[in-house]
């Protein structure tokens, strides 16, 4: 993992954590994408880097933010809303935990679920943004 250039990217670590918990990924109906949302499939979850706060001067903690977006099938808002709530419930347990190359003191939502409405194909989208207190593991 030390030679993996993507190892320290929090949005990739969170995507991997969600897949490892069985919330998203190949064994579910919810594929996970990182850094982009393809036009297909309809139903998916994606994580994105979302800035963050300045690193702390006194210690090695950084405060990156990760945006999570969920999109459903056309004209049905319930499944993507339920999935983002499941994701929030799963991430609630990220306290004093190593994920990938990072140690997460905590991971807290900076927003509640935000409905983005429907895209041009009638698919409902929801998002939530998290801020971490993270250092190298």
C-alpha atoms as a PDB file:
ATOM      1  CA  UNK A   1       0.000   0.000   0.000  1.00  0.00           C
ATOM      2  CA  UNK A   2       2.901   2.380   0.638  1.00  0.00           C
ATOM      3  CA  UNK A   3       3.678   2.518  -3.099  1.00  0.00           C
ATOM      4  CA  UNK A   4       0.051   3.085  -4.110  1.00  0.00           C
ATOM      5  CA  UNK A   5      -0.191   6.728  -5.259  1.00  0.00           C
ATOM      6  CA  UNK A   6      -3.901   6.765  -4.414  1.00  0.00           C
ATOM      7  CA  UNK A   7      -3.521   5.330  -0.913  1.00  0.00           C
ATOM      8  CA  UNK A   8      -3.811   8.660   0.890  1.00  0.00           C
ATOM      9  CA  UNK A   9      -6.868  10.004  -0.903  1.00  0.00           C
ATOM     10  CA  UNK A  10      -9.704  10.096   1.636  1.00  0.00           C
ATOM     11  CA  UNK A  11     -12.506   9.839  -0.948  1.00  0.00           C
ATOM     12  CA  UNK A  12     -10.975   6.559  -2.150  1.00  0.00           C
ATOM     13  CA  UNK A  13     -10.539   5.300   1.421  1.00  0.00           C
ATOM     14  CA  UNK A  14     -14.179   6.030   2.261  1.00  0.00           C
ATOM     15  CA  UNK A  15     -15.352   4.312  -0.934  1.00  0.00           C
ATOM     16  CA  UNK A  16     -13.274   1.268  -0.009  1.00  0.00           C
ATOM     17  CA  UNK A  17     -14.629   1.286   3.528  1.00  0.00           C
ATOM     18  CA  UNK A  18     -18.241   1.366   2.310  1.00  0.00           C
ATOM     19  CA  UNK A  19     -17.513  -1.502  -0.089  1.00  0.00           C
ATOM     20  CA  UNK A  20     -15.806  -3.462   2.684  1.00  0.00           C
ATOM     21  CA  UNK A  21     -18.882  -3.035   4.875  1.00  0.00           C
ATOM     22  CA  UNK A  22     -21.069  -4.485   2.096  1.00  0.00           C
ATOM     23  CA  UNK A  23     -23.051  -1.257   1.670  1.00  0.00           C
ATOM     24  CA  UNK A  24     -21.916  -0.752  -1.950  1.00  0.00           C
ATOM     25  CA  UNK A  25     -19.933  -2.675  -4.524  1.00  0.00           C
ATOM     26  CA  UNK A  26     -20.079  -5.791  -6.668  1.00  0.00           C
ATOM     27  CA  UNK A  27     -22.082  -7.869  -4.197  1.00  0.00           C
ATOM     28  CA  UNK A  28     -24.860  -5.256  -4.072  1.00  0.00           C
ATOM     29  CA  UNK A  29     -27.141  -3.466  -6.530  1.00  0.00           C
ATOM     30  CA  UNK A  30     -25.144  -0.273  -5.824  1.00  0.00           C
ATOM     31  CA  UNK A  31     -21.828   0.010  -7.684  1.00  0.00           C
ATOM     32  CA  UNK A  32     -19.340   2.513  -6.283  1.00  0.00           C
ATOM     33  CA  UNK A  33     -17.472   5.088  -8.371  1.00  0.00           C
ATOM     34  CA  UNK A  34     -14.784   7.515  -7.267  1.00  0.00           C
ATOM     35  CA  UNK A  35     -14.317  10.987  -8.630  1.00  0.00           C
ATOM     36  CA  UNK A  36     -17.011  10.755 -11.290  1.00  0.00           C
ATOM     37  CA  UNK A  37     -20.539   9.542 -12.009  1.00  0.00           C
ATOM     38  CA  UNK A  38     -20.952   7.757 -15.340  1.00  0.00           C
ATOM     39  CA  UNK A  39     -24.182   8.074 -17.343  1.00  0.00           C
ATOM     40  CA  UNK A  40     -24.866   4.373 -16.728  1.00  0.00           C
ATOM     41  CA  UNK A  41     -25.784   2.456 -14.667  1.00  0.00           C
ATOM     42  CA  UNK A  42     -28.762   4.372 -13.378  1.00  0.00           C
ATOM     43  CA  UNK A  43     -28.355   3.308  -9.752  1.00  0.00           C
ATOM     44  CA  UNK A  44     -24.976   4.058  -8.160  1.00  0.00           C
ATOM     45  CA  UNK A  45     -22.971   5.665  -5.360  1.00  0.00           C
ATOM     46  CA  UNK A  46     -19.993   7.951  -5.946  1.00  0.00           C
ATOM     47  CA  UNK A  47     -17.456   9.638  -3.688  1.00  0.00           C
ATOM     48  CA  UNK A  48     -15.662  12.895  -4.488  1.00  0.00           C
ATOM     49  CA  UNK A  49     -12.972  15.037  -2.859  1.00  0.00           C
ATOM     50  CA  UNK A  50     -14.622  18.160  -1.453  1.00  0.00           C
ATOM     51  CA  UNK A  51     -11.892  20.415  -0.099  1.00  0.00           C
ATOM     52  CA  UNK A  52     -11.606  20.760   3.646  1.00  0.00           C
ATOM     53  CA  UNK A  53     -10.147  22.896   6.404  1.00  0.00           C
ATOM     54  CA  UNK A  54      -6.536  23.922   6.901  1.00  0.00           C
ATOM     55  CA  UNK A  55      -4.271  21.305   8.552  1.00  0.00           C
ATOM     56  CA  UNK A  56      -3.642  21.759  12.249  1.00  0.00           C
ATOM     57  CA  UNK A  57      -0.267  23.298  13.130  1.00  0.00           C
ATOM     58  CA  UNK A  58       0.214  21.469  16.436  1.00  0.00           C
ATOM     59  CA  UNK A  59      -0.248  17.911  15.193  1.00  0.00           C
ATOM     60  CA  UNK A  60      -0.539  15.907  12.021  1.00  0.00           C
ATOM     61  CA  UNK A  61      -4.331  16.106  11.751  1.00  0.00           C
ATOM     62  CA  UNK A  62      -5.830  17.212   8.480  1.00  0.00           C
ATOM     63  CA  UNK A  63      -9.510  17.883   7.795  1.00  0.00           C
ATOM     64  CA  UNK A  64     -10.401  16.705   4.304  1.00  0.00           C
ATOM     65  CA  UNK A  65     -13.999  16.613   3.166  1.00  0.00           C
ATOM     66  CA  UNK A  66     -15.630  13.856   1.139  1.00  0.00           C
ATOM     67  CA  UNK A  67     -18.887  14.254  -0.773  1.00  0.00           C
ATOM     68  CA  UNK A  68     -21.032  11.177  -1.258  1.00  0.00           C
ATOM     69  CA  UNK A  69     -23.636  11.184  -4.019  1.00  0.00           C
ATOM     70  CA  UNK A  70     -26.323   8.572  -4.581  1.00  0.00           C
ATOM     71  CA  UNK A  71     -28.419   8.237  -7.733  1.00  0.00           C
ATOM     72  CA  UNK A  72     -31.371   5.930  -8.330  1.00  0.00           C
ATOM     73  CA  UNK A  73     -33.372   4.534 -11.195  1.00  0.00           C
ATOM     74  CA  UNK A  74     -35.659   6.918 -13.112  1.00  0.00           C
ATOM     75  CA  UNK A  75     -38.753   8.245 -11.330  1.00  0.00           C
ATOM     76  CA  UNK A  76     -38.243   6.469  -7.974  1.00  0.00           C
ATOM     77  CA  UNK A  77     -36.834   8.577  -5.149  1.00  0.00           C
ATOM     78  CA  UNK A  78     -37.134   6.021  -2.348  1.00  0.00           C
ATOM     79  CA  UNK A  79     -34.212   3.617  -3.073  1.00  0.00           C
ATOM     80  CA  UNK A  80     -31.501   6.296  -3.366  1.00  0.00           C
ATOM     81  CA  UNK A  81     -32.772   8.067  -0.252  1.00  0.00           C
ATOM     82  CA  UNK A  82     -32.762   4.811   1.709  1.00  0.00           C
ATOM     83  CA  UNK A  83     -29.233   4.054   0.444  1.00  0.00           C
ATOM     84  CA  UNK A  84     -27.823   7.419   1.541  1.00  0.00           C
ATOM     85  CA  UNK A  85     -29.401   6.914   4.972  1.00  0.00           C
ATOM     86  CA  UNK A  86     -27.740   3.470   5.146  1.00  0.00           C
ATOM     87  CA  UNK A  87     -24.415   5.056   4.203  1.00  0.00           C
ATOM     88  CA  UNK A  88     -24.833   7.674   6.939  1.00  0.00           C
ATOM     89  CA  UNK A  89     -25.614   4.976   9.495  1.00  0.00           C
ATOM     90  CA  UNK A  90     -22.495   3.045   8.447  1.00  0.00           C
ATOM     91  CA  UNK A  91     -20.187   6.070   8.578  1.00  0.00           C
ATOM     92  CA  UNK A  92     -21.507   7.037  12.021  1.00  0.00           C
ATOM     93  CA  UNK A  93     -19.229   4.300  13.388  1.00  0.00           C
ATOM     94  CA  UNK A  94     -16.010   5.795  11.995  1.00  0.00           C
ATOM     95  CA  UNK A  95     -14.312   6.929  15.207  1.00  0.00           C
ATOM     96  CA  UNK A  96     -10.647   6.245  16.065  1.00  0.00           C
ATOM     97  CA  UNK A  97     -10.290   3.891  13.123  1.00  0.00           C
ATOM     98  CA  UNK A  98      -7.693   3.146  10.456  1.00  0.00           C
ATOM     99  CA  UNK A  99      -9.086   3.075   6.931  1.00  0.00           C
ATOM    100  CA  UNK A 100      -6.608   2.489   4.126  1.00  0.00           C
ATOM    101  CA  UNK A 101      -3.568   4.684   4.739  1.00  0.00           C
ATOM    102  CA  UNK A 102      -5.395   7.019   7.118  1.00  0.00           C
ATOM    103  CA  UNK A 103      -6.183   7.129  10.808  1.00  0.00           C
ATOM    104  CA  UNK A 104      -9.618   8.745  11.289  1.00  0.00           C
ATOM    105  CA  UNK A 105     -10.183  10.327  14.692  1.00  0.00           C
ATOM    106  CA  UNK A 106     -13.694  10.994  13.435  1.00  0.00           C
ATOM    107  CA  UNK A 107     -15.764  11.432  10.309  1.00  0.00           C
ATOM    108  CA  UNK A 108     -18.750  13.735  10.740  1.00  0.00           C
ATOM    109  CA  UNK A 109     -21.375  14.998   8.313  1.00  0.00           C
ATOM    110  CA  UNK A 110     -21.203  18.725   7.626  1.00  0.00           C
ATOM    111  CA  UNK A 111     -24.660  18.637   6.066  1.00  0.00           C
ATOM    112  CA  UNK A 112     -27.804  16.603   6.325  1.00  0.00           C
ATOM    113  CA  UNK A 113     -28.990  14.737   3.242  1.00  0.00           C
ATOM    114  CA  UNK A 114     -29.434  17.226   0.436  1.00  0.00           C
ATOM    115  CA  UNK A 115     -31.816  16.404  -2.412  1.00  0.00           C
ATOM    116  CA  UNK A 116     -30.318  17.474  -5.732  1.00  0.00           C
ATOM    117  CA  UNK A 117     -33.541  16.770  -7.617  1.00  0.00           C
ATOM    118  CA  UNK A 118     -33.770  14.776 -10.818  1.00  0.00           C
ATOM    119  CA  UNK A 119     -31.268  14.675 -13.625  1.00  0.00           C
ATOM    120  CA  UNK A 120     -32.177  14.778 -17.317  1.00  0.00           C
ATOM    121  CA  UNK A 121     -33.113  11.089 -17.203  1.00  0.00           C
ATOM    122  CA  UNK A 122     -35.503  11.483 -14.271  1.00  0.00           C
ATOM    123  CA  UNK A 123     -33.109   9.900 -11.761  1.00  0.00           C
ATOM    124  CA  UNK A 124     -33.241  11.314  -8.229  1.00  0.00           C
ATOM    125  CA  UNK A 125     -29.901  12.281  -6.681  1.00  0.00           C
ATOM    126  CA  UNK A 126     -28.976  12.869  -3.054  1.00  0.00           C
ATOM    127  CA  UNK A 127     -25.734  13.995  -1.454  1.00  0.00           C
ATOM    128  CA  UNK A 128     -24.092  14.413   1.933  1.00  0.00           C
ATOM    129  CA  UNK A 129     -20.656  15.846   2.739  1.00  0.00           C
ATOM    130  CA  UNK A 130     -18.374  14.603   5.518  1.00  0.00           C
ATOM    131  CA  UNK A 131     -15.388  16.211   7.198  1.00  0.00           C
ATOM    132  CA  UNK A 132     -12.686  14.012   8.672  1.00  0.00           C
ATOM    133  CA  UNK A 133     -10.067  14.485  11.332  1.00  0.00           C
ATOM    134  CA  UNK A 134      -7.412  12.349   9.664  1.00  0.00           C
ATOM    135  CA  UNK A 135      -3.693  11.657   9.902  1.00  0.00           C
ATOM    136  CA  UNK A 136      -1.408   9.131   8.263  1.00  0.00           C
ATOM    137  CA  UNK A 137      -1.883   5.715   9.839  1.00  0.00           C
END
